[in-house]
Amino acid sequence: MTDSNKKRKRRTYTHEFKNQFVQLYLNDKQKCDIVREYDISASLLDKWIKQSENTGSFKKKDNRTPEEQELIALRKRNKNVAVSDLTYVSVGTNWHYICILIDLFNREIIGYSAGRNKDASLVAKAFSKVNTNLENIQVFHTDRGNEFKNQLIDETLETFHIKRSLSMKGCPYDNAVADATFKIIKTEFVKGQTFERLDDLKYQLADYVNWFNNYRIHSSLGYLIPYQYRITNLTIQFTYIVHISRFYKFVNMV
């Protein structure tokens, strides 16, 4: 195998190393010259300059927005954050739509709906499919589409004390789970499919959701299915609580 065919190893850079490149740029050296002379990508240099200007730190965690920090923290708790999106599906000679609610914790599809129109009622129907107490959902996170920002959804969220969270303009990061999951759904369920009737779409969507949640292995979940991932993590959390309780009981007895 020639050198050109070998997989290029991932390079790592220290804080000091990154700062040196930023200082070169601040001292009026052209970006194109820095990229060419030091064999780094332009996008990487732009990222370091932006991080230096915004926070003075090159650590990823230091450059997250407050909303991103909150979503990451909430993801560690079971069924606190639901994310949602819609996509179109061919039914007969027309376009119809499906709405999916995803549990950010384990990527489980907890609600879904299919209909002729891309509107708030489609989102509300997806909420009606959730088979657990909606008050368990602490945050409902979506993009800024009108089907999510309206009175019908506002009333639903207020009724069950769910906080609304909208993606920042130009920042798709915090809706990444929904985007990634919809990419899977479009590939596995939607692509190349034409449904004869809306009822056919609804029936096959329900069947797919059952398979997705209870049989499909997800690499992002450590090659577990969503149900297994949730049960495994709840067991770990319960075991931890039991051990802590026993420890404090022992300490109090001493």
Protein backbone atom coordinates (compact mmCIF):
# COMPACT_ATOMS: atom_id res chain seq x y z
CA MET A 1 0.00 0.00 0.00
CA THR A 2 1.41 3.38 -1.01
CA ASP A 3 1.68 6.32 1.35
CA SER A 4 -1.11 8.13 -0.53
CA ASN A 5 -3.49 5.25 0.20
CA LYS A 6 -2.71 5.06 3.89
CA LYS A 7 -5.30 6.50 6.23
CA ARG A 8 -4.12 9.83 7.54
CA LYS A 9 -3.77 9.86 11.31
CA ARG A 10 -5.77 12.41 13.22
CA ARG A 11 -3.59 15.26 14.39
CA THR A 12 -3.89 16.72 17.88
CA TYR A 13 -3.05 20.30 18.78
CA THR A 14 -2.24 21.85 22.16
CA HIS A 15 -3.72 25.11 23.41
CA GLU A 16 -0.34 26.83 22.93
CA PHE A 17 -0.01 25.50 19.39
CA LYS A 18 -3.44 26.84 18.37
CA ASN A 19 -2.75 30.17 20.02
CA GLN A 20 0.43 30.58 17.98
CA PHE A 21 -1.56 30.40 14.76
CA VAL A 22 -4.09 32.89 16.06
CA GLN A 23 -1.29 35.28 16.98
CA LEU A 24 0.16 34.96 13.46
CA TYR A 25 -3.21 36.00 12.08
CA LEU A 26 -3.54 38.88 14.58
CA ASN A 27 -0.09 40.06 13.51
CA ASP A 28 -1.43 40.54 9.97
CA LYS A 29 -0.23 37.30 8.40
CA GLN A 30 -2.71 36.23 5.70
CA LYS A 31 -4.89 33.19 6.38
CA CYS A 32 -4.00 31.63 3.04
CA ASP A 33 -0.29 31.90 3.88
CA ILE A 34 -0.75 30.29 7.32
CA VAL A 35 -2.77 27.43 5.84
CA ARG A 36 -0.25 26.80 3.07
CA GLU A 37 2.91 27.08 5.15
CA TYR A 38 1.76 25.01 8.13
CA ASP A 39 -0.44 22.45 6.35
CA ILE A 40 -3.65 23.05 8.27
CA SER A 41 -7.17 23.47 6.92
CA ALA A 42 -8.72 26.90 6.50
CA SER A 43 -11.85 25.81 8.40
CA LEU A 44 -9.71 24.73 11.36
CA LEU A 45 -7.90 28.06 11.45
CA ASP A 46 -11.20 29.94 11.25
CA LYS A 47 -12.54 27.86 14.13
CA TRP A 48 -9.54 28.65 16.34
CA ILE A 49 -9.75 32.38 15.55
CA LYS A 50 -13.45 32.44 16.39
CA GLN A 51 -12.92 30.54 19.64
CA SER A 52 -10.13 32.89 20.64
CA GLU A 53 -12.28 35.95 19.93
CA ASN A 54 -15.38 34.60 21.69
CA THR A 55 -14.06 32.95 24.85
CA GLY A 56 -10.27 32.92 24.75
CA SER A 57 -10.45 29.13 25.07
CA PHE A 58 -10.08 26.37 22.49
CA LYS A 59 -11.98 23.78 24.51
CA LYS A 60 -15.24 22.65 22.95
CA LYS A 61 -17.16 22.83 26.23
CA ASP A 62 -16.11 26.46 26.74
CA ASN A 63 -17.51 27.49 23.36
CA ARG A 64 -21.01 26.09 23.68
CA THR A 65 -23.97 28.44 23.98
CA PRO A 66 -25.95 28.43 27.27
CA GLU A 67 -28.76 26.60 25.44
CA GLU A 68 -26.36 23.91 24.21
CA GLN A 69 -25.00 23.47 27.73
CA GLU A 70 -28.53 23.08 29.08
CA LEU A 71 -29.50 20.50 26.45
CA ILE A 72 -26.39 18.43 27.13
CA ALA A 73 -27.06 18.47 30.86
CA LEU A 74 -30.72 17.55 30.42
CA ARG A 75 -29.87 14.69 28.07
CA LYS A 76 -28.28 12.87 30.98
CA ARG A 77 -31.70 12.53 32.61
CA ASN A 78 -34.32 10.10 31.39
CA LYS A 79 -37.14 11.58 29.28
CA ASN A 80 -36.57 15.22 30.10
CA VAL A 81 -36.08 16.58 26.57
CA ALA A 82 -38.14 15.80 23.47
CA VAL A 83 -36.98 17.02 20.06
CA SER A 84 -39.17 17.07 16.97
CA ASP A 85 -39.20 17.61 13.23
CA LEU A 86 -41.38 16.96 10.18
CA THR A 87 -40.71 15.54 6.72
CA TYR A 88 -42.71 14.91 3.57
CA VAL A 89 -43.74 11.52 2.13
CA SER A 90 -45.24 10.60 -1.22
CA VAL A 91 -48.83 9.32 -0.91
CA GLY A 92 -50.50 8.57 -4.23
CA THR A 93 -49.82 11.61 -6.39
CA ASN A 94 -49.55 14.07 -3.48
CA TRP A 95 -47.17 14.98 -0.68
CA HIS A 96 -48.16 14.13 2.88
CA TYR A 97 -46.19 14.67 6.08
CA ILE A 98 -45.01 12.82 9.17
CA CYS A 99 -44.08 14.31 12.55
CA ILE A 100 -41.78 12.55 15.00
CA LEU A 101 -41.08 13.25 18.70
CA ILE A 102 -37.73 11.86 19.84
CA ASP A 103 -36.50 11.32 23.39
CA LEU A 104 -33.13 13.05 23.46
CA PHE A 105 -31.89 10.64 26.13
CA ASN A 106 -32.04 7.41 24.11
CA ARG A 107 -33.30 8.40 20.63
CA GLU A 108 -36.56 6.57 21.20
CA ILE A 109 -39.49 7.71 19.08
CA ILE A 110 -42.05 8.56 21.77
CA GLY A 111 -44.67 10.17 19.53
CA TYR A 112 -45.53 10.22 15.84
CA SER A 113 -48.25 11.22 13.39
CA ALA A 114 -48.99 11.34 9.65
CA GLY A 115 -51.31 13.68 7.76
CA ARG A 116 -52.03 15.72 4.65
CA ASN A 117 -50.87 19.05 6.04
CA LYS A 118 -47.66 20.31 7.60
CA ASP A 119 -49.24 22.19 10.48
CA ALA A 120 -49.66 22.43 14.25
CA SER A 121 -52.41 19.82 14.36
CA LEU A 122 -49.94 17.24 13.03
CA VAL A 123 -47.57 18.07 15.90
CA ALA A 124 -50.45 17.90 18.40
CA LYS A 125 -51.40 14.44 17.11
CA ALA A 126 -47.81 13.28 17.66
CA PHE A 127 -48.07 14.47 21.27
CA SER A 128 -51.30 12.49 21.67
CA LYS A 129 -49.38 9.30 20.79
CA VAL A 130 -46.95 9.66 23.71
CA ASN A 131 -47.76 6.76 26.04
CA THR A 132 -46.34 8.28 29.19
CA ASN A 133 -47.18 11.28 31.35
CA LEU A 134 -46.39 14.36 29.27
CA GLU A 135 -45.33 16.17 32.45
CA ASN A 136 -42.22 13.92 32.39
CA ILE A 137 -41.06 16.00 29.43
CA GLN A 138 -39.26 19.05 30.74
CA VAL A 139 -38.23 20.68 27.44
CA PHE A 140 -39.67 20.52 23.89
CA HIS A 141 -36.92 21.46 21.43
CA THR A 142 -37.51 22.20 17.73
CA ASP A 143 -36.47 24.41 14.87
CA ARG A 144 -38.27 27.71 14.27
CA GLY A 145 -40.94 26.38 11.90
CA ASN A 146 -44.45 27.91 12.18
CA GLU A 147 -45.95 24.49 12.91
CA PHE A 148 -44.11 24.57 16.25
CA LYS A 149 -44.50 28.29 17.06
CA ASN A 150 -48.26 28.77 17.41
CA GLN A 151 -51.10 28.96 19.93
CA LEU A 152 -52.15 25.30 19.70
CA ILE A 153 -48.68 24.05 20.65
CA ASP A 154 -48.31 26.84 23.23
CA GLU A 155 -51.47 25.63 24.97
CA THR A 156 -50.25 22.02 24.94
CA LEU A 157 -46.91 22.97 26.47
CA GLU A 158 -48.52 25.20 29.09
CA THR A 159 -50.99 22.49 30.09
CA PHE A 160 -48.24 19.99 30.84
CA HIS A 161 -45.68 22.54 32.12
CA ILE A 162 -43.24 21.87 29.27
CA LYS A 163 -40.62 24.51 28.48
CA ARG A 164 -40.19 25.53 24.84
CA SER A 165 -36.71 25.55 23.29
CA LEU A 166 -36.06 26.80 19.74
CA SER A 167 -32.90 26.31 17.71
CA MET A 168 -30.81 29.44 17.39
CA LYS A 169 -30.83 30.96 13.92
CA GLY A 170 -27.90 29.64 11.91
CA CYS A 171 -27.02 27.13 14.64
CA PRO A 172 -28.36 23.63 13.81
CA TYR A 173 -26.19 21.95 16.48
CA ASP A 174 -28.87 21.81 19.16
CA ASN A 175 -31.37 20.03 16.87
CA ALA A 176 -28.73 17.57 15.68
CA VAL A 177 -30.37 14.49 17.25
CA ALA A 178 -33.63 15.13 15.41
CA ASP A 179 -31.74 15.77 12.17
CA ALA A 180 -29.69 12.58 12.53
CA THR A 181 -32.72 10.47 13.41
CA PHE A 182 -34.73 11.86 10.52
CA LYS A 183 -31.86 11.06 8.18
CA ILE A 184 -32.16 7.43 9.32
CA ILE A 185 -35.95 7.47 8.92
CA LYS A 186 -35.74 9.00 5.44
CA THR A 187 -33.22 6.36 4.38
CA GLU A 188 -34.96 3.35 5.93
CA PHE A 189 -38.65 4.26 5.72
CA VAL A 190 -39.27 7.12 3.28
CA LYS A 191 -36.69 6.78 0.47
CA GLY A 192 -38.13 5.16 -2.63
CA GLN A 193 -41.50 4.56 -0.98
CA THR A 194 -44.83 5.58 -2.44
CA PHE A 195 -47.87 4.88 -0.30
CA GLU A 196 -51.24 4.36 -1.97
CA ARG A 197 -53.35 5.93 0.79
CA LEU A 198 -52.87 7.88 4.01
CA ASP A 199 -54.09 4.87 5.98
CA ASP A 200 -51.28 2.78 4.45
CA LEU A 201 -48.75 5.40 5.55
CA LYS A 202 -50.13 5.49 9.10
CA TYR A 203 -50.11 1.69 9.42
CA GLN A 204 -46.57 1.27 8.09
CA LEU A 205 -45.27 4.22 10.15
CA ALA A 206 -46.59 2.60 13.35
CA ASP A 207 -44.92 -0.67 12.38
CA TYR A 208 -41.62 1.09 11.64
CA VAL A 209 -41.67 3.00 14.95
CA ASN A 210 -42.14 -0.27 16.84
CA TRP A 211 -39.16 -1.79 14.98
CA PHE A 212 -37.05 1.36 15.45
CA ASN A 213 -37.60 1.46 19.22
CA ASN A 214 -37.52 -2.24 20.07
CA TYR A 215 -35.33 -3.97 17.48
CA ARG A 216 -33.02 -1.52 15.69
CA ILE A 217 -29.48 -1.32 17.11
CA HIS A 218 -27.99 2.21 17.31
CA SER A 219 -24.22 2.73 17.25
CA SER A 220 -24.66 6.05 19.11
CA LEU A 221 -26.19 4.09 22.00
CA GLY A 222 -23.30 1.64 22.28
CA TYR A 223 -24.99 -0.79 19.86
CA LEU A 224 -28.10 -1.13 22.01
CA ILE A 225 -31.72 -0.60 21.04
CA PRO A 226 -33.40 2.50 22.60
CA TYR A 227 -35.42 0.41 25.05
CA GLN A 228 -32.32 -1.50 26.24
CA TYR A 229 -30.33 1.72 26.61
CA ARG A 230 -32.99 3.31 28.81
CA ILE A 231 -33.40 0.22 31.00
CA THR A 232 -29.62 -0.26 31.32
CA ASN A 233 -29.05 3.34 32.39
CA LEU A 234 -31.96 3.33 34.82
CA THR A 235 -30.55 0.15 36.38
CA ILE A 236 -27.12 1.77 36.73
CA GLN A 237 -28.67 4.88 38.31
CA PHE A 238 -30.77 2.77 40.71
CA THR A 239 -27.73 0.67 41.71
CA TYR A 240 -25.72 3.84 42.35
CA ILE A 241 -28.49 5.27 44.55
CA VAL A 242 -28.71 2.01 46.53
CA HIS A 243 -24.94 1.93 47.11
CA ILE A 244 -24.89 5.57 48.22
CA SER A 245 -27.81 4.94 50.59
CA ARG A 246 -26.05 1.92 52.11
CA PHE A 247 -22.85 3.91 52.49
CA TYR A 248 -24.52 6.74 54.41
CA LYS A 249 -26.44 4.25 56.53
CA PHE A 250 -23.16 2.57 57.44
CA VAL A 251 -21.51 5.93 58.22
CA ASN A 252 -24.37 6.90 60.52
CA MET A 253 -24.09 3.60 62.37
CA VAL A 254 -20.39 4.05 63.08
